[in-house]
Amino acid sequence: MAAEPLPELAAVHWRPRVDAGRLRRADALWTTITVAHVVPFIGAGAALCAIEPLAAPVTLASLAHAWVIPELYAQRGANVVRAKRSCAGVEAETRAVGLLGDLVGHEARELHASTGLVLERAGLGAWLLGPAGALLVRPGGRRVLCYCVGVNDPELPRADRIAHLLLALRSDEHGFATVANLAFSGARWRVRRRLAPAMRPALDAAVCAARRLDTEASD
């Protein structure tokens, strides 16, 4: 438990505080939602094909729906870390990157320079922080939760926004996950396919960090 819970928790007082158990339930709920969307379309397509082989185009359309709907959810999840246009000038952005660099280690600075995301290992998993969202790779590296969360100041440079989120995460990780809005939870490969190519190495690094967390926990 954090010594000082995030003040923003007061704005979402009805939400139960997130912990590892609630994350597992969220994963199970999203899996159930995905299955509920996919199975009826696959079943309908198979039934049509069995009843009337000439209905193959309808069958293909049904299977396409079964594939597209989870992909749209994954796209919404990946969008939380999509780079947003900044209102700050170049000088302010450069200064903000320098301040952010003081908060993280050398590897995290290099990763941010190439991907725009900051990697932070914590109790719930490996986090990737962007200016307006975060990805949480659960221990083991197989599951990714995508959160919408940001700083309500449009004038702040992107790196300053990340720094604010990083400090909030370090202050109260469970509170941070409670305040943030869950946009998607699903398989790593679904999210990775929908990320911008430049951001994919950050997810790969987070997966490695999450696997190390799983190994350390088992030891």
Protein backbone atom coordinates (compact mmCIF):
# COMPACT_ATOMS: atom_id res chain seq x y z
CA MET A 1 0.00 0.00 0.00
CA ALA A 2 1.19 3.50 -0.78
CA ALA A 3 2.01 5.78 2.16
CA GLU A 4 0.15 8.60 0.40
CA PRO A 5 -2.67 7.52 -1.93
CA LEU A 6 -3.09 9.61 -5.07
CA PRO A 7 -5.41 12.61 -4.57
CA GLU A 8 -7.09 11.75 -7.89
CA LEU A 9 -8.63 8.68 -6.25
CA ALA A 10 -11.24 10.97 -4.68
CA ALA A 11 -12.66 11.63 -8.16
CA VAL A 12 -13.28 7.90 -8.73
CA HIS A 13 -14.23 6.96 -5.18
CA TRP A 14 -16.72 4.34 -6.43
CA ARG A 15 -14.00 2.23 -8.03
CA PRO A 16 -12.52 -0.58 -5.93
CA ARG A 17 -8.79 -0.25 -5.51
CA VAL A 18 -6.94 -2.27 -8.15
CA ASP A 19 -4.75 -5.16 -7.07
CA ALA A 20 -3.36 -8.28 -8.76
CA GLY A 21 -6.60 -10.18 -8.19
CA ARG A 22 -8.73 -7.49 -9.82
CA LEU A 23 -6.37 -7.41 -12.79
CA ARG A 24 -6.83 -11.15 -13.24
CA ARG A 25 -10.61 -10.68 -13.14
CA ALA A 26 -10.33 -7.86 -15.69
CA ASP A 27 -8.31 -10.17 -17.95
CA ALA A 28 -10.95 -12.90 -17.62
CA LEU A 29 -13.75 -10.42 -18.37
CA TRP A 30 -12.07 -9.18 -21.55
CA THR A 31 -11.43 -12.75 -22.67
CA THR A 32 -15.10 -13.55 -22.12
CA ILE A 33 -16.14 -10.48 -24.12
CA THR A 34 -13.84 -11.49 -26.98
CA VAL A 35 -15.17 -15.05 -27.03
CA ALA A 36 -18.76 -13.77 -26.91
CA HIS A 37 -18.08 -11.68 -30.02
CA VAL A 38 -16.08 -14.24 -31.97
CA VAL A 39 -17.81 -17.57 -31.37
CA PRO A 40 -21.29 -16.62 -32.71
CA PHE A 41 -19.81 -15.37 -35.99
CA ILE A 42 -17.66 -18.48 -36.41
CA GLY A 43 -20.62 -20.70 -35.53
CA ALA A 44 -22.92 -18.89 -37.93
CA GLY A 45 -20.37 -19.13 -40.73
CA ALA A 46 -19.80 -22.84 -40.16
CA ALA A 47 -23.55 -23.53 -40.04
CA LEU A 48 -24.20 -21.62 -43.26
CA CYS A 49 -21.39 -23.44 -45.04
CA ALA A 50 -22.74 -26.82 -43.88
CA ILE A 51 -26.32 -26.03 -44.88
CA GLU A 52 -25.61 -24.30 -48.16
CA PRO A 53 -22.08 -24.45 -49.67
CA LEU A 54 -23.07 -21.73 -52.13
CA ALA A 55 -23.30 -19.36 -49.17
CA ALA A 56 -19.48 -19.27 -48.99
CA PRO A 57 -19.33 -15.45 -49.43
CA VAL A 58 -21.61 -15.00 -46.42
CA THR A 59 -19.48 -17.47 -44.48
CA LEU A 60 -16.34 -15.50 -45.30
CA ALA A 61 -18.05 -12.28 -44.23
CA SER A 62 -19.00 -13.86 -40.93
CA LEU A 63 -15.44 -15.07 -40.33
CA ALA A 64 -14.15 -11.60 -41.21
CA HIS A 65 -16.37 -10.11 -38.51
CA ALA A 66 -15.01 -12.66 -36.03
CA TRP A 67 -11.48 -11.45 -36.82
CA VAL A 68 -12.12 -7.71 -37.13
CA ILE A 69 -13.99 -7.08 -33.87
CA PRO A 70 -11.12 -8.15 -31.54
CA GLU A 71 -8.70 -6.26 -33.79
CA LEU A 72 -10.74 -3.07 -33.34
CA TYR A 73 -10.60 -3.49 -29.58
CA ALA A 74 -6.83 -4.00 -29.80
CA GLN A 75 -6.53 -0.87 -31.95
CA ARG A 76 -8.36 1.13 -29.31
CA GLY A 77 -5.94 -0.23 -26.74
CA ALA A 78 -2.84 0.61 -28.77
CA ASN A 79 -4.15 4.13 -29.39
CA VAL A 80 -3.62 5.09 -25.75
CA VAL A 81 0.11 5.50 -26.39
CA ARG A 82 -0.18 6.97 -29.87
CA ALA A 83 1.90 10.15 -30.15
CA LYS A 84 -0.23 13.27 -29.75
CA ARG A 85 0.57 16.70 -31.15
CA SER A 86 2.21 18.91 -28.53
CA CYS A 87 1.38 22.58 -28.01
CA ALA A 88 4.80 23.20 -26.46
CA GLY A 89 7.69 24.59 -28.45
CA VAL A 90 10.86 22.76 -29.41
CA GLU A 91 12.86 24.37 -26.60
CA ALA A 92 10.29 23.37 -23.98
CA GLU A 93 10.18 19.83 -25.31
CA THR A 94 13.97 19.53 -25.21
CA ARG A 95 14.11 20.83 -21.65
CA ALA A 96 11.33 18.46 -20.60
CA VAL A 97 13.18 15.47 -22.08
CA GLY A 98 16.23 16.42 -20.03
CA LEU A 99 14.18 16.57 -16.83
CA LEU A 100 12.55 13.24 -17.61
CA GLY A 101 15.99 11.74 -18.19
CA ASP A 102 16.93 12.66 -14.62
CA LEU A 103 14.12 10.41 -13.34
CA VAL A 104 15.07 7.23 -15.19
CA GLY A 105 18.13 5.13 -15.90
CA HIS A 106 20.30 5.02 -19.00
CA GLU A 107 18.43 2.17 -20.69
CA ALA A 108 15.06 3.84 -20.11
CA ARG A 109 16.40 7.11 -21.56
CA GLU A 110 17.60 5.34 -24.70
CA LEU A 111 14.28 3.52 -25.06
CA HIS A 112 12.36 6.78 -24.71
CA ALA A 113 14.58 8.47 -27.29
CA SER A 114 13.81 5.77 -29.89
CA THR A 115 10.19 4.92 -29.05
CA GLY A 116 8.71 7.83 -27.11
CA LEU A 117 7.76 5.51 -24.22
CA VAL A 118 9.27 5.06 -20.77
CA LEU A 119 9.65 1.59 -19.24
CA GLU A 120 9.10 1.20 -15.49
CA ARG A 121 9.15 -2.09 -13.60
CA ALA A 122 6.73 -2.24 -10.68
CA GLY A 123 4.74 -4.64 -8.54
CA LEU A 124 1.89 -5.29 -10.97
CA GLY A 125 4.15 -5.76 -13.99
CA ALA A 126 6.19 -3.75 -16.49
CA TRP A 127 4.66 -0.39 -17.42
CA LEU A 128 5.16 1.58 -20.62
CA LEU A 129 4.23 5.22 -20.14
CA GLY A 130 3.30 7.65 -22.89
CA PRO A 131 2.01 11.23 -22.72
CA ALA A 132 -1.66 10.19 -22.56
CA GLY A 133 -1.72 6.51 -21.71
CA ALA A 134 0.07 3.48 -20.38
CA LEU A 135 0.51 -0.19 -21.21
CA LEU A 136 0.88 -2.71 -18.41
CA VAL A 137 2.57 -5.98 -19.37
CA ARG A 138 1.66 -8.53 -16.73
CA PRO A 139 4.30 -10.84 -15.21
CA GLY A 140 5.06 -13.58 -17.74
CA GLY A 141 4.69 -11.18 -20.67
CA ARG A 142 1.65 -12.78 -22.27
CA ARG A 143 -1.04 -10.24 -21.38
CA VAL A 144 -1.17 -6.47 -21.90
CA LEU A 145 -3.60 -4.02 -20.32
CA CYS A 146 -4.02 -0.64 -22.03
CA TYR A 147 -4.96 2.40 -19.94
CA CYS A 148 -6.09 5.90 -20.85
CA VAL A 149 -4.56 8.30 -18.33
CA GLY A 150 -3.13 11.76 -18.70
CA VAL A 151 -2.41 15.19 -17.26
CA ASN A 152 -5.04 17.88 -17.70
CA ASP A 153 -2.74 20.59 -18.98
CA PRO A 154 -2.56 20.95 -22.77
CA GLU A 155 0.43 23.29 -22.54
CA LEU A 156 2.74 20.71 -20.99
CA PRO A 157 5.41 19.14 -23.23
CA ARG A 158 5.03 15.42 -23.90
CA ALA A 159 8.02 14.48 -21.74
CA ASP A 160 6.61 16.47 -18.82
CA ARG A 161 3.34 14.57 -19.14
CA ILE A 162 5.23 11.29 -18.98
CA ALA A 163 7.21 12.53 -15.98
CA HIS A 164 3.98 13.36 -14.13
CA LEU A 165 2.59 9.90 -14.84
CA LEU A 166 5.87 8.26 -13.83
CA LEU A 167 5.92 10.05 -10.48
CA ALA A 168 2.27 9.16 -9.86
CA LEU A 169 3.00 5.51 -10.69
CA ARG A 170 5.98 5.41 -8.35
CA SER A 171 3.98 7.10 -5.60
CA ASP A 172 0.98 4.75 -5.71
CA GLU A 173 0.95 2.06 -8.39
CA HIS A 174 -2.34 0.52 -7.32
CA GLY A 175 -3.97 3.93 -7.12
CA PHE A 176 -2.58 4.80 -10.55
CA ALA A 177 -4.19 1.68 -12.05
CA THR A 178 -7.44 2.54 -10.28
CA VAL A 179 -7.61 6.10 -11.59
CA ALA A 180 -6.67 5.12 -15.16
CA ASN A 181 -9.41 3.98 -17.54
CA LEU A 182 -8.94 0.47 -18.91
CA ALA A 183 -9.33 0.59 -22.70
CA PHE A 184 -8.32 -2.99 -23.57
CA SER A 185 -6.89 -6.16 -22.10
CA GLY A 186 -5.66 -8.90 -24.36
CA ALA A 187 -2.86 -10.94 -25.83
CA ARG A 188 0.49 -9.27 -26.36
CA TRP A 189 0.55 -10.10 -30.07
CA ARG A 190 -2.75 -8.32 -30.68
CA VAL A 191 -1.50 -5.09 -29.13
CA ARG A 192 1.94 -5.31 -30.76
CA ARG A 193 0.46 -5.59 -34.25
CA ARG A 194 -1.49 -2.38 -33.69
CA LEU A 195 1.38 -0.33 -32.29
CA ALA A 196 3.37 1.97 -34.52
CA PRO A 197 6.50 0.10 -35.71
CA ALA A 198 8.75 2.55 -33.86
CA MET A 199 7.03 1.67 -30.55
CA ARG A 200 7.21 -2.10 -30.86
CA PRO A 201 10.75 -2.38 -29.42
CA ALA A 202 9.43 -0.72 -26.24
CA LEU A 203 6.78 -3.43 -25.90
CA ASP A 204 9.39 -6.11 -26.54
CA ALA A 205 11.55 -4.63 -23.76
CA ALA A 206 8.55 -4.53 -21.42
CA VAL A 207 7.80 -8.19 -22.18
CA CYS A 208 11.38 -9.11 -21.24
CA ALA A 209 11.06 -7.13 -18.02
CA ALA A 210 7.72 -8.78 -17.22
CA ARG A 211 9.21 -12.23 -17.77
CA ARG A 212 12.03 -11.40 -15.38
CA LEU A 213 9.43 -10.33 -12.81
CA ASP A 214 7.68 -13.68 -13.22
CA THR A 215 10.97 -15.55 -12.80
CA GLU A 216 11.88 -13.54 -9.70
CA ALA A 217 8.44 -14.19 -8.19
CA SER A 218 8.73 -17.94 -8.78
CA ASP A 219 12.21 -17.99 -7.20
